[in-house]
Amino acid sequence: MPKITLPDGSSLEAPAGKRLVLALEDGGVDILHRCGGHARCTTCRVQFQAGEPEMMTAAERDRLAESGLVGQYRLSCQIVCDQDMALAWVNRLADSSYSDVGGRPEDAITPPPEWVKRPR
């Protein structure tokens, strides 16, 4: 099982193939995902310290490009847990003005992924 190392040095394990946003949420992180995991809002952003996946969905690339965030952040709703990672999240419910994290994302990546190499 892939290991996800969190900012405080603790870690959680995620079943291979699980969406990162769900692994974080199920591991107790109140990460925001206001659009329900559809690569539309960028509230589920993460920053990698290690283990950043080489591939990304075209939806993630396009949304990050629209926001000027390519190369700085990734969208946890568009990442599959298939390797060890060390990361920090940007937006948590506890630090926001929202009353909930957003609708729970589906188990499968949405929209259906078209995989592309991540820009550097």
PDB file of N, CA and C in Angstrom:
ATOM      1  N   MET A   1       0.834  -1.191   0.000  1.00  0.00           N
ATOM      2  CA  MET A   1       0.000   0.000   0.000  1.00  0.00           C
ATOM      3  C   MET A   1       0.876   1.251   0.000  1.00  0.00           C
ATOM      4  N   PRO A   2       0.548   2.207  -0.847  1.00  0.00           N
ATOM      5  CA  PRO A   2       1.309   3.459  -0.852  1.00  0.00           C
ATOM      6  C   PRO A   2       1.186   4.202   0.475  1.00  0.00           C
ATOM      7  N   LYS A   3       2.297   4.809   0.886  1.00  0.00           N
ATOM      8  CA  LYS A   3       2.344   5.587   2.122  1.00  0.00           C
ATOM      9  C   LYS A   3       2.312   7.068   1.770  1.00  0.00           C
ATOM     10  N   ILE A   4       1.461   7.806   2.473  1.00  0.00           N
ATOM     11  CA  ILE A   4       1.348   9.247   2.275  1.00  0.00           C
ATOM     12  C   ILE A   4       1.865   9.918   3.543  1.00  0.00           C
ATOM     13  N   THR A   5       2.974  10.644   3.410  1.00  0.00           N
ATOM     14  CA  THR A   5       3.552  11.350   4.551  1.00  0.00           C
ATOM     15  C   THR A   5       2.966  12.756   4.601  1.00  0.00           C
ATOM     16  N   LEU A   6       2.470  13.110   5.781  1.00  0.00           N
ATOM     17  CA  LEU A   6       1.788  14.386   5.996  1.00  0.00           C
ATOM     18  C   LEU A   6       2.754  15.432   6.551  1.00  0.00           C
ATOM     19  N   PRO A   7       2.360  16.710   6.550  1.00  0.00           N
ATOM     20  CA  PRO A   7       3.264  17.786   6.968  1.00  0.00           C
ATOM     21  C   PRO A   7       3.846  17.629   8.372  1.00  0.00           C
ATOM     22  N   ASP A   8       3.114  17.007   9.285  1.00  0.00           N
ATOM     23  CA  ASP A   8       3.615  16.839  10.659  1.00  0.00           C
ATOM     24  C   ASP A   8       4.517  15.623  10.822  1.00  0.00           C
ATOM     25  N   GLY A   9       4.808  14.931   9.710  1.00  0.00           N
ATOM     26  CA  GLY A   9       5.664  13.754   9.751  1.00  0.00           C
ATOM     27  C   GLY A   9       4.915  12.451   9.943  1.00  0.00           C
ATOM     28  N   SER A  10       3.640  12.528  10.293  1.00  0.00           N
ATOM     29  CA  SER A  10       2.841  11.303  10.405  1.00  0.00           C
ATOM     30  C   SER A  10       2.534  10.801   8.999  1.00  0.00           C
ATOM     31  N   SER A  11       2.008   9.620   8.918  1.00  0.00           N
ATOM     32  CA  SER A  11       1.691   9.076   7.601  1.00  0.00           C
ATOM     33  C   SER A  11       0.431   8.235   7.671  1.00  0.00           C
ATOM     34  N   LEU A  12      -0.111   7.981   6.506  1.00  0.00           N
ATOM     35  CA  LEU A  12      -1.245   7.081   6.374  1.00  0.00           C
ATOM     36  C   LEU A  12      -1.013   6.224   5.153  1.00  0.00           C
ATOM     37  N   GLU A  13      -1.645   5.067   5.156  1.00  0.00           N
ATOM     38  CA  GLU A  13      -1.553   4.184   4.007  1.00  0.00           C
ATOM     39  C   GLU A  13      -2.858   4.246   3.248  1.00  0.00           C
ATOM     40  N   ALA A  14      -2.753   4.156   1.935  1.00  0.00           N
ATOM     41  CA  ALA A  14      -3.934   4.203   1.080  1.00  0.00           C
ATOM     42  C   ALA A  14      -3.924   2.989   0.165  1.00  0.00           C
ATOM     43  N   PRO A  15      -5.061   2.386  -0.042  1.00  0.00           N
ATOM     44  CA  PRO A  15      -5.108   1.297  -1.009  1.00  0.00           C
ATOM     45  C   PRO A  15      -4.650   1.790  -2.379  1.00  0.00           C
ATOM     46  N   ALA A  16      -3.850   1.009  -3.069  1.00  0.00           N
ATOM     47  CA  ALA A  16      -3.397   1.378  -4.407  1.00  0.00           C
ATOM     48  C   ALA A  16      -4.614   1.634  -5.289  1.00  0.00           C
ATOM     49  N   GLY A  17      -4.572   2.724  -6.023  1.00  0.00           N
ATOM     50  CA  GLY A  17      -5.650   3.089  -6.927  1.00  0.00           C
ATOM     51  C   GLY A  17      -6.681   4.024  -6.336  1.00  0.00           C
ATOM     52  N   LYS A  18      -6.604   4.293  -5.050  1.00  0.00           N
ATOM     53  CA  LYS A  18      -7.569   5.202  -4.412  1.00  0.00           C
ATOM     54  C   LYS A  18      -7.222   6.642  -4.779  1.00  0.00           C
ATOM     55  N   ARG A  19      -8.226   7.459  -4.953  1.00  0.00           N
ATOM     56  CA  ARG A  19      -8.003   8.883  -5.212  1.00  0.00           C
ATOM     57  C   ARG A  19      -7.352   9.509  -3.989  1.00  0.00           C
ATOM     58  N   LEU A  20      -6.376  10.357  -4.210  1.00  0.00           N
ATOM     59  CA  LEU A  20      -5.660  10.991  -3.108  1.00  0.00           C
ATOM     60  C   LEU A  20      -6.600  11.794  -2.224  1.00  0.00           C
ATOM     61  N   VAL A  21      -7.517  12.536  -2.784  1.00  0.00           N
ATOM     62  CA  VAL A  21      -8.442  13.337  -1.978  1.00  0.00           C
ATOM     63  C   VAL A  21      -9.219  12.451  -1.009  1.00  0.00           C
ATOM     64  N   LEU A  22      -9.622  11.261  -1.448  1.00  0.00           N
ATOM     65  CA  LEU A  22     -10.367  10.342  -0.582  1.00  0.00           C
ATOM     66  C   LEU A  22      -9.459   9.705   0.455  1.00  0.00           C
ATOM     67  N   ALA A  23      -8.223   9.401   0.073  1.00  0.00           N
ATOM     68  CA  ALA A  23      -7.273   8.837   1.040  1.00  0.00           C
ATOM     69  C   ALA A  23      -7.019   9.836   2.166  1.00  0.00           C
ATOM     70  N   LEU A  24      -6.856  11.106   1.814  1.00  0.00           N
ATOM     71  CA  LEU A  24      -6.638  12.129   2.834  1.00  0.00           C
ATOM     72  C   LEU A  24      -7.873  12.284   3.715  1.00  0.00           C
ATOM     73  N   GLU A  25      -9.020  12.403   3.093  1.00  0.00           N
ATOM     74  CA  GLU A  25     -10.249  12.574   3.854  1.00  0.00           C
ATOM     75  C   GLU A  25     -10.510  11.367   4.762  1.00  0.00           C
ATOM     76  N   ASP A  26     -10.384  10.180   4.222  1.00  0.00           N
ATOM     77  CA  ASP A  26     -10.615   8.966   5.016  1.00  0.00           C
ATOM     78  C   ASP A  26      -9.559   8.793   6.098  1.00  0.00           C
ATOM     79  N   GLY A  27      -8.388   9.429   5.907  1.00  0.00           N
ATOM     80  CA  GLY A  27      -7.326   9.392   6.907  1.00  0.00           C
ATOM     81  C   GLY A  27      -7.457  10.469   7.972  1.00  0.00           C
ATOM     82  N   GLY A  28      -8.534  11.262   7.917  1.00  0.00           N
ATOM     83  CA  GLY A  28      -8.785  12.246   8.952  1.00  0.00           C
ATOM     84  C   GLY A  28      -8.448  13.674   8.594  1.00  0.00           C
ATOM     85  N   VAL A  29      -7.991  13.941   7.384  1.00  0.00           N
ATOM     86  CA  VAL A  29      -7.681  15.307   6.948  1.00  0.00           C
ATOM     87  C   VAL A  29      -8.964  15.932   6.403  1.00  0.00           C
ATOM     88  N   ASP A  30      -9.320  17.092   6.914  1.00  0.00           N
ATOM     89  CA  ASP A  30     -10.535  17.772   6.459  1.00  0.00           C
ATOM     90  C   ASP A  30     -10.241  18.655   5.240  1.00  0.00           C
ATOM     91  N   ILE A  31      -9.677  18.028   4.201  1.00  0.00           N
ATOM     92  CA  ILE A  31      -9.303  18.739   2.977  1.00  0.00           C
ATOM     93  C   ILE A  31     -10.556  19.174   2.225  1.00  0.00           C
ATOM     94  N   LEU A  32     -10.535  20.417   1.765  1.00  0.00           N
ATOM     95  CA  LEU A  32     -11.662  20.918   0.994  1.00  0.00           C
ATOM     96  C   LEU A  32     -11.681  20.287  -0.389  1.00  0.00           C
ATOM     97  N   HIS A  33     -12.871  20.108  -0.910  1.00  0.00           N
ATOM     98  CA  HIS A  33     -13.093  19.650  -2.285  1.00  0.00           C
ATOM     99  C   HIS A  33     -14.478  20.137  -2.687  1.00  0.00           C
ATOM    100  N   ARG A  34     -14.582  21.441  -2.817  1.00  0.00           N
ATOM    101  CA  ARG A  34     -15.871  22.109  -2.988  1.00  0.00           C
ATOM    102  C   ARG A  34     -16.634  21.681  -4.242  1.00  0.00           C
ATOM    103  N   CYS A  35     -15.956  21.277  -5.309  1.00  0.00           N
ATOM    104  CA  CYS A  35     -16.661  20.890  -6.534  1.00  0.00           C
ATOM    105  C   CYS A  35     -16.975  19.397  -6.559  1.00  0.00           C
ATOM    106  N   GLY A  36     -16.658  18.682  -5.487  1.00  0.00           N
ATOM    107  CA  GLY A  36     -16.953  17.255  -5.440  1.00  0.00           C
ATOM    108  C   GLY A  36     -15.970  16.397  -6.215  1.00  0.00           C
ATOM    109  N   GLY A  37     -14.784  16.939  -6.473  1.00  0.00           N
ATOM    110  CA  GLY A  37     -13.737  16.145  -7.120  1.00  0.00           C
ATOM    111  C   GLY A  37     -13.787  16.109  -8.627  1.00  0.00           C
ATOM    112  N   HIS A  38     -14.259  17.183  -9.248  1.00  0.00           N
ATOM    113  CA  HIS A  38     -14.395  17.228 -10.707  1.00  0.00           C
ATOM    114  C   HIS A  38     -13.370  18.134 -11.390  1.00  0.00           C
ATOM    115  N   ALA A  39     -12.304  18.525 -10.698  1.00  0.00           N
ATOM    116  CA  ALA A  39     -11.250  19.381 -11.263  1.00  0.00           C
ATOM    117  C   ALA A  39     -11.789  20.733 -11.719  1.00  0.00           C
ATOM    118  N   ARG A  40     -12.696  21.304 -10.932  1.00  0.00           N
ATOM    119  CA  ARG A  40     -13.260  22.600 -11.314  1.00  0.00           C
ATOM    120  C   ARG A  40     -12.902  23.730 -10.369  1.00  0.00           C
ATOM    121  N   CYS A  41     -12.630  23.436  -9.083  1.00  0.00           N
ATOM    122  CA  CYS A  41     -12.531  24.536  -8.124  1.00  0.00           C
ATOM    123  C   CYS A  41     -11.118  24.781  -7.561  1.00  0.00           C
ATOM    124  N   THR A  42     -10.253  23.863  -7.601  1.00  0.00           N
ATOM    125  CA  THR A  42      -8.872  23.903  -7.081  1.00  0.00           C
ATOM    126  C   THR A  42      -8.774  23.990  -5.566  1.00  0.00           C
ATOM    127  N   THR A  43      -9.860  23.760  -4.824  1.00  0.00           N
ATOM    128  CA  THR A  43      -9.760  23.824  -3.359  1.00  0.00           C
ATOM    129  C   THR A  43      -9.050  22.614  -2.772  1.00  0.00           C
ATOM    130  N   CYS A  44      -8.899  21.537  -3.518  1.00  0.00           N
ATOM    131  CA  CYS A  44      -8.232  20.332  -3.009  1.00  0.00           C
ATOM    132  C   CYS A  44      -6.735  20.327  -3.343  1.00  0.00           C
ATOM    133  N   ARG A  45      -6.165  21.493  -3.563  1.00  0.00           N
ATOM    134  CA  ARG A  45      -4.743  21.589  -3.940  1.00  0.00           C
ATOM    135  C   ARG A  45      -3.822  20.986  -2.891  1.00  0.00           C
ATOM    136  N   VAL A  46      -2.769  20.363  -3.395  1.00  0.00           N
ATOM    137  CA  VAL A  46      -1.694  19.859  -2.545  1.00  0.00           C
ATOM    138  C   VAL A  46      -0.370  20.304  -3.155  1.00  0.00           C
ATOM    139  N   GLN A  47       0.652  20.317  -2.308  1.00  0.00           N
ATOM    140  CA  GLN A  47       2.012  20.639  -2.736  1.00  0.00           C
ATOM    141  C   GLN A  47       2.881  19.459  -2.339  1.00  0.00           C
ATOM    142  N   PHE A  48       3.650  18.948  -3.279  1.00  0.00           N
ATOM    143  CA  PHE A  48       4.470  17.767  -3.039  1.00  0.00           C
ATOM    144  C   PHE A  48       5.856  18.133  -2.529  1.00  0.00           C
ATOM    145  N   GLN A  49       6.305  17.382  -1.530  1.00  0.00           N
ATOM    146  CA  GLN A  49       7.688  17.449  -1.086  1.00  0.00           C
ATOM    147  C   GLN A  49       8.490  16.296  -1.709  1.00  0.00           C
ATOM    148  N   ALA A  50       7.801  15.188  -1.977  1.00  0.00           N
ATOM    149  CA  ALA A  50       8.431  14.013  -2.603  1.00  0.00           C
ATOM    150  C   ALA A  50       7.344  13.146  -3.212  1.00  0.00           C
ATOM    151  N   GLY A  51       7.714  12.400  -4.241  1.00  0.00           N
ATOM    152  CA  GLY A  51       6.810  11.419  -4.821  1.00  0.00           C
ATOM    153  C   GLY A  51       5.728  11.977  -5.717  1.00  0.00           C
ATOM    154  N   GLU A  52       5.939  13.157  -6.285  1.00  0.00           N
ATOM    155  CA  GLU A  52       4.911  13.713  -7.175  1.00  0.00           C
ATOM    156  C   GLU A  52       4.759  12.835  -8.413  1.00  0.00           C
ATOM    157  N   PRO A  53       3.537  12.431  -8.717  1.00  0.00           N
ATOM    158  CA  PRO A  53       3.323  11.602  -9.907  1.00  0.00           C
ATOM    159  C   PRO A  53       3.731  12.327 -11.187  1.00  0.00           C
ATOM    160  N   GLU A  54       4.284  11.564 -12.119  1.00  0.00           N
ATOM    161  CA  GLU A  54       4.710  12.127 -13.409  1.00  0.00           C
ATOM    162  C   GLU A  54       3.535  12.414 -14.333  1.00  0.00           C
ATOM    163  N   MET A  55       2.448  11.670 -14.147  1.00  0.00           N
ATOM    164  CA  MET A  55       1.285  11.836 -15.015  1.00  0.00           C
ATOM    165  C   MET A  55       0.204  12.630 -14.282  1.00  0.00           C
ATOM    166  N   MET A  56      -0.608  13.312 -15.065  1.00  0.00           N
ATOM    167  CA  MET A  56      -1.747  14.045 -14.523  1.00  0.00           C
ATOM    168  C   MET A  56      -2.873  13.962 -15.534  1.00  0.00           C
ATOM    169  N   THR A  57      -4.070  14.274 -15.100  1.00  0.00           N
ATOM    170  CA  THR A  57      -5.175  14.291 -16.048  1.00  0.00           C
ATOM    171  C   THR A  57      -5.137  15.597 -16.838  1.00  0.00           C
ATOM    172  N   ALA A  58      -5.667  15.534 -18.046  1.00  0.00           N
ATOM    173  CA  ALA A  58      -5.754  16.753 -18.855  1.00  0.00           C
ATOM    174  C   ALA A  58      -6.640  17.778 -18.151  1.00  0.00           C
ATOM    175  N   ALA A  59      -7.674  17.317 -17.449  1.00  0.00           N
ATOM    176  CA  ALA A  59      -8.559  18.240 -16.711  1.00  0.00           C
ATOM    177  C   ALA A  59      -7.782  18.972 -15.627  1.00  0.00           C
ATOM    178  N   GLU A  60      -6.900  18.256 -14.915  1.00  0.00           N
ATOM    179  CA  GLU A  60      -6.085  18.898 -13.884  1.00  0.00           C
ATOM    180  C   GLU A  60      -5.139  19.921 -14.503  1.00  0.00           C
ATOM    181  N   ARG A  61      -4.449  19.514 -15.549  1.00  0.00           N
ATOM    182  CA  ARG A  61      -3.509  20.423 -16.226  1.00  0.00           C
ATOM    183  C   ARG A  61      -4.217  21.686 -16.689  1.00  0.00           C
ATOM    184  N   ASP A  62      -5.360  21.511 -17.324  1.00  0.00           N
ATOM    185  CA  ASP A  62      -6.085  22.664 -17.863  1.00  0.00           C
ATOM    186  C   ASP A  62      -6.577  23.585 -16.748  1.00  0.00           C
ATOM    187  N   ARG A  63      -7.105  23.019 -15.671  1.00  0.00           N
ATOM    188  CA  ARG A  63      -7.622  23.839 -14.566  1.00  0.00           C
ATOM    189  C   ARG A  63      -6.492  24.584 -13.861  1.00  0.00           C
ATOM    190  N   LEU A  64      -5.375  23.902 -13.638  1.00  0.00           N
ATOM    191  CA  LEU A  64      -4.230  24.572 -13.011  1.00  0.00           C
ATOM    192  C   LEU A  64      -3.685  25.674 -13.914  1.00  0.00           C
ATOM    193  N   ALA A  65      -3.664  25.420 -15.219  1.00  0.00           N
ATOM    194  CA  ALA A  65      -3.186  26.431 -16.171  1.00  0.00           C
ATOM    195  C   ALA A  65      -4.095  27.664 -16.141  1.00  0.00           C
ATOM    196  N   GLU A  66      -5.410  27.465 -16.098  1.00  0.00           N
ATOM    197  CA  GLU A  66      -6.359  28.586 -16.042  1.00  0.00           C
ATOM    198  C   GLU A  66      -6.122  29.461 -14.815  1.00  0.00           C
ATOM    199  N   SER A  67      -5.673  28.849 -13.729  1.00  0.00           N
ATOM    200  CA  SER A  67      -5.460  29.570 -12.468  1.00  0.00           C
ATOM    201  C   SER A  67      -4.018  30.019 -12.272  1.00  0.00           C
ATOM    202  N   GLY A  68      -3.139  29.733 -13.234  1.00  0.00           N
ATOM    203  CA  GLY A  68      -1.738  30.100 -13.106  1.00  0.00           C
ATOM    204  C   GLY A  68      -1.008  29.302 -12.034  1.00  0.00           C
ATOM    205  N   LEU A  69      -1.431  28.060 -11.798  1.00  0.00           N
ATOM    206  CA  LEU A  69      -0.875  27.248 -10.714  1.00  0.00           C
ATOM    207  C   LEU A  69      -0.065  26.041 -11.181  1.00  0.00           C
ATOM    208  N   VAL A  70       0.132  25.895 -12.489  1.00  0.00           N
ATOM    209  CA  VAL A  70       0.905  24.760 -13.003  1.00  0.00           C
ATOM    210  C   VAL A  70       2.313  24.816 -12.451  1.00  0.00           C
ATOM    211  N   GLY A  71       2.792  23.683 -11.973  1.00  0.00           N
ATOM    212  CA  GLY A  71       4.141  23.598 -11.432  1.00  0.00           C
ATOM    213  C   GLY A  71       4.246  23.979  -9.966  1.00  0.00           C
ATOM    214  N   GLN A  72       3.173  24.530  -9.399  1.00  0.00           N
ATOM    215  CA  GLN A  72       3.170  24.913  -7.987  1.00  0.00           C
ATOM    216  C   GLN A  72       2.358  23.942  -7.148  1.00  0.00           C
ATOM    217  N   TYR A  73       1.209  23.538  -7.675  1.00  0.00           N
ATOM    218  CA  TYR A  73       0.274  22.703  -6.941  1.00  0.00           C
ATOM    219  C   TYR A  73      -0.232  21.582  -7.834  1.00  0.00           C
ATOM    220  N   ARG A  74      -0.871  20.618  -7.198  1.00  0.00           N
ATOM    221  CA  ARG A  74      -1.595  19.555  -7.898  1.00  0.00           C
ATOM    222  C   ARG A  74      -2.978  19.469  -7.270  1.00  0.00           C
ATOM    223  N   LEU A  75      -3.918  18.869  -7.976  1.00  0.00           N
ATOM    224  CA  LEU A  75      -5.273  18.681  -7.476  1.00  0.00           C
ATOM    225  C   LEU A  75      -5.407  17.260  -6.953  1.00  0.00           C
ATOM    226  N   SER A  76      -5.643  17.131  -5.657  1.00  0.00           N
ATOM    227  CA  SER A  76      -5.704  15.794  -5.054  1.00  0.00           C
ATOM    228  C   SER A  76      -6.864  14.965  -5.592  1.00  0.00           C
ATOM    229  N   CYS A  77      -7.881  15.622  -6.143  1.00  0.00           N
ATOM    230  CA  CYS A  77      -9.011  14.876  -6.701  1.00  0.00           C
ATOM    231  C   CYS A  77      -8.661  14.196  -8.014  1.00  0.00           C
ATOM    232  N   GLN A  78      -7.523  14.558  -8.599  1.00  0.00           N
ATOM    233  CA  GLN A  78      -7.130  14.016  -9.891  1.00  0.00           C
ATOM    234  C   GLN A  78      -5.904  13.106  -9.803  1.00  0.00           C
ATOM    235  N   ILE A  79      -5.519  12.742  -8.588  1.00  0.00           N
ATOM    236  CA  ILE A  79      -4.324  11.926  -8.371  1.00  0.00           C
ATOM    237  C   ILE A  79      -4.719  10.573  -7.809  1.00  0.00           C
ATOM    238  N   VAL A  80      -4.107   9.535  -8.355  1.00  0.00           N
ATOM    239  CA  VAL A  80      -4.320   8.179  -7.885  1.00  0.00           C
ATOM    240  C   VAL A  80      -3.149   7.787  -6.990  1.00  0.00           C
ATOM    241  N   CYS A  81      -3.453   7.180  -5.869  1.00  0.00           N
ATOM    242  CA  CYS A  81      -2.409   6.701  -4.958  1.00  0.00           C
ATOM    243  C   CYS A  81      -1.809   5.415  -5.536  1.00  0.00           C
ATOM    244  N   ASP A  82      -0.638   5.553  -6.137  1.00  0.00           N
ATOM    245  CA  ASP A  82       0.027   4.370  -6.684  1.00  0.00           C
ATOM    246  C   ASP A  82       1.515   4.349  -6.344  1.00  0.00           C
ATOM    247  N   GLN A  83       1.928   5.252  -5.463  1.00  0.00           N
ATOM    248  CA  GLN A  83       3.322   5.314  -5.019  1.00  0.00           C
ATOM    249  C   GLN A  83       3.375   6.095  -3.712  1.00  0.00           C
ATOM    250  N   ASP A  84       4.483   5.999  -3.001  1.00  0.00           N
ATOM    251  CA  ASP A  84       4.655   6.773  -1.781  1.00  0.00           C
ATOM    252  C   ASP A  84       4.760   8.252  -2.137  1.00  0.00           C
ATOM    253  N   MET A  85       4.211   9.099  -1.259  1.00  0.00           N
ATOM    254  CA  MET A  85       4.186  10.538  -1.497  1.00  0.00           C
ATOM    255  C   MET A  85       4.373  11.269  -0.173  1.00  0.00           C
ATOM    256  N   ALA A  86       4.961  12.448  -0.234  1.00  0.00           N
ATOM    257  CA  ALA A  86       5.022  13.360   0.907  1.00  0.00           C
ATOM    258  C   ALA A  86       4.457  14.679   0.406  1.00  0.00           C
ATOM    259  N   LEU A  87       3.485  15.215   1.143  1.00  0.00           N
ATOM    260  CA  LEU A  87       2.788  16.393   0.632  1.00  0.00           C
ATOM    261  C   LEU A  87       2.176  17.215   1.753  1.00  0.00           C
ATOM    262  N   ALA A  88       1.754  18.388   1.379  1.00  0.00           N
ATOM    263  CA  ALA A  88       0.997  19.272   2.267  1.00  0.00           C
ATOM    264  C   ALA A  88      -0.234  19.731   1.497  1.00  0.00           C
ATOM    265  N   TRP A  89      -1.322  19.918   2.197  1.00  0.00           N
ATOM    266  CA  TRP A  89      -2.539  20.423   1.576  1.00  0.00           C
ATOM    267  C   TRP A  89      -2.586  21.928   1.770  1.00  0.00           C
ATOM    268  N   VAL A  90      -3.404  22.582   0.971  1.00  0.00           N
ATOM    269  CA  VAL A  90      -3.512  24.035   1.014  1.00  0.00           C
ATOM    270  C   VAL A  90      -4.756  24.472   1.785  1.00  0.00           C
ATOM    271  N   ASN A  91      -5.888  23.832   1.542  1.00  0.00           N
ATOM    272  CA  ASN A  91      -7.167  24.264   2.110  1.00  0.00           C
ATOM    273  C   ASN A  91      -7.817  23.171   2.954  1.00  0.00           C
ATOM    274  N   ARG A  92      -8.069  23.511   4.215  1.00  0.00           N
ATOM    275  CA  ARG A  92      -8.783  22.608   5.115  1.00  0.00           C
ATOM    276  C   ARG A  92     -10.046  23.305   5.608  1.00  0.00           C
ATOM    277  N   LEU A  93     -11.037  22.507   5.948  1.00  0.00           N
ATOM    278  CA  LEU A  93     -12.281  23.062   6.465  1.00  0.00           C
ATOM    279  C   LEU A  93     -12.028  23.925   7.697  1.00  0.00           C
ATOM    280  N   ALA A  94     -11.173  23.453   8.590  1.00  0.00           N
ATOM    281  CA  ALA A  94     -10.909  24.171   9.844  1.00  0.00           C
ATOM    282  C   ALA A  94     -10.362  25.577   9.608  1.00  0.00           C
ATOM    283  N   ASP A  95      -9.718  25.800   8.477  1.00  0.00           N
ATOM    284  CA  ASP A  95      -9.110  27.093   8.183  1.00  0.00           C
ATOM    285  C   ASP A  95      -9.954  27.935   7.219  1.00  0.00           C
ATOM    286  N   SER A  96     -11.174  27.489   6.928  1.00  0.00           N
ATOM    287  CA  SER A  96     -11.991  28.163   5.923  1.00  0.00           C
ATOM    288  C   SER A  96     -13.266  28.733   6.541  1.00  0.00           C
ATOM    289  N   SER A  97     -14.021  29.417   5.716  1.00  0.00           N
ATOM    290  CA  SER A  97     -15.313  29.948   6.152  1.00  0.00           C
ATOM    291  C   SER A  97     -16.468  29.031   5.745  1.00  0.00           C
ATOM    292  N   TYR A  98     -16.143  27.880   5.146  1.00  0.00           N
ATOM    293  CA  TYR A  98     -17.180  26.947   4.706  1.00  0.00           C
ATOM    294  C   TYR A  98     -17.724  26.146   5.879  1.00  0.00           C
ATOM    295  N   SER A  99     -18.948  25.648   5.717  1.00  0.00           N
ATOM    296  CA  SER A  99     -19.557  24.829   6.768  1.00  0.00           C
ATOM    297  C   SER A  99     -19.313  23.336   6.559  1.00  0.00           C
ATOM    298  N   ASP A 100     -18.869  22.954   5.370  1.00  0.00           N
ATOM    299  CA  ASP A 100     -18.509  21.554   5.113  1.00  0.00           C
ATOM    300  C   ASP A 100     -17.448  21.509   4.025  1.00  0.00           C
ATOM    301  N   VAL A 101     -16.813  20.335   3.858  1.00  0.00           N
ATOM    302  CA  VAL A 101     -15.700  20.206   2.917  1.00  0.00           C
ATOM    303  C   VAL A 101     -16.150  20.196   1.468  1.00  0.00           C
ATOM    304  N   GLY A 102     -17.400  19.836   1.224  1.00  0.00           N
ATOM    305  CA  GLY A 102     -17.922  19.683  -0.129  1.00  0.00           C
ATOM    306  C   GLY A 102     -18.429  18.269  -0.298  1.00  0.00           C
ATOM    307  N   GLY A 103     -19.188  18.024  -1.351  1.00  0.00           N
ATOM    308  CA  GLY A 103     -19.723  16.688  -1.592  1.00  0.00           C
ATOM    309  C   GLY A 103     -18.605  15.667  -1.761  1.00  0.00           C
ATOM    310  N   ARG A 104     -18.817  14.459  -1.224  1.00  0.00           N
ATOM    311  CA  ARG A 104     -17.787  13.430  -1.317  1.00  0.00           C
ATOM    312  C   ARG A 104     -17.549  13.058  -2.779  1.00  0.00           C
ATOM    313  N   PRO A 105     -16.286  13.116  -3.208  1.00  0.00           N
ATOM    314  CA  PRO A 105     -15.965  12.716  -4.583  1.00  0.00           C
ATOM    315  C   PRO A 105     -16.270  11.235  -4.819  1.00  0.00           C
ATOM    316  N   GLU A 106     -16.559  10.914  -6.054  1.00  0.00           N
ATOM    317  CA  GLU A 106     -16.784   9.519  -6.441  1.00  0.00           C
ATOM    318  C   GLU A 106     -15.480   8.740  -6.281  1.00  0.00           C
ATOM    319  N   ASP A 107     -15.577   7.432  -6.250  1.00  0.00           N
ATOM    320  CA  ASP A 107     -14.384   6.589  -6.110  1.00  0.00           C
ATOM    321  C   ASP A 107     -13.465   6.696  -7.323  1.00  0.00           C
ATOM    322  N   ALA A 108     -14.042   6.812  -8.514  1.00  0.00           N
ATOM    323  CA  ALA A 108     -13.257   6.925  -9.751  1.00  0.00           C
ATOM    324  C   ALA A 108     -13.036   8.394 -10.080  1.00  0.00           C
ATOM    325  N   ILE A 109     -11.901   8.684 -10.686  1.00  0.00           N
ATOM    326  CA  ILE A 109     -11.594  10.064 -11.081  1.00  0.00           C
ATOM    327  C   ILE A 109     -12.634  10.566 -12.071  1.00  0.00           C
ATOM    328  N   THR A 110     -13.114  11.770 -11.810  1.00  0.00           N
ATOM    329  CA  THR A 110     -14.058  12.432 -12.691  1.00  0.00           C
ATOM    330  C   THR A 110     -13.511  13.813 -13.032  1.00  0.00           C
ATOM    331  N   PRO A 111     -13.672  14.288 -14.248  1.00  0.00           N
ATOM    332  CA  PRO A 111     -14.214  13.555 -15.384  1.00  0.00           C
ATOM    333  C   PRO A 111     -13.314  12.387 -15.763  1.00  0.00           C
ATOM    334  N   PRO A 112     -13.801  11.458 -16.594  1.00  0.00           N
ATOM    335  CA  PRO A 112     -12.957  10.313 -16.973  1.00  0.00           C
ATOM    336  C   PRO A 112     -11.597  10.811 -17.459  1.00  0.00           C
ATOM    337  N   PRO A 113     -10.524  10.250 -16.888  1.00  0.00           N
ATOM    338  CA  PRO A 113      -9.198  10.826 -17.154  1.00  0.00           C
ATOM    339  C   PRO A 113      -8.631  10.567 -18.541  1.00  0.00           C
ATOM    340  N   GLU A 114      -8.030  11.624 -19.060  1.00  0.00           N
ATOM    341  CA  GLU A 114      -7.139  11.546 -20.217  1.00  0.00           C
ATOM    342  C   GLU A 114      -5.781  11.868 -19.619  1.00  0.00           C
ATOM    343  N   TRP A 115      -4.871  10.895 -19.567  1.00  0.00           N
ATOM    344  CA  TRP A 115      -3.591  11.057 -18.881  1.00  0.00           C
ATOM    345  C   TRP A 115      -2.574  11.749 -19.770  1.00  0.00           C
ATOM    346  N   VAL A 116      -1.887  12.730 -19.210  1.00  0.00           N
ATOM    347  CA  VAL A 116      -0.836  13.469 -19.905  1.00  0.00           C
ATOM    348  C   VAL A 116       0.367  13.590 -18.970  1.00  0.00           C
ATOM    349  N   LYS A 117       1.534  13.816 -19.541  1.00  0.00           N
ATOM    350  CA  LYS A 117       2.738  14.022 -18.744  1.00  0.00           C
ATOM    351  C   LYS A 117       2.638  15.401 -18.083  1.00  0.00           C
ATOM    352  N   ARG A 118       2.982  15.462 -16.802  1.00  0.00           N
ATOM    353  CA  ARG A 118       2.855  16.755 -16.132  1.00  0.00           C
ATOM    354  C   ARG A 118       3.907  17.731 -16.635  1.00  0.00           C
ATOM    355  N   PRO A 119       3.526  19.001 -16.810  1.00  0.00           N
ATOM    356  CA  PRO A 119       4.493  20.023 -17.212  1.00  0.00           C
ATOM    357  C   PRO A 119       5.494  20.263 -16.080  1.00  0.00           C
ATOM    358  N   ARG A 120       6.652  20.664 -16.407  1.00  0.00           N
ATOM    359  CA  ARG A 120       7.693  20.951 -15.397  1.00  0.00           C
ATOM    360  C   ARG A 120       7.834  22.433 -15.212  1.00  0.00           C
TER     361      ARG A 120
END
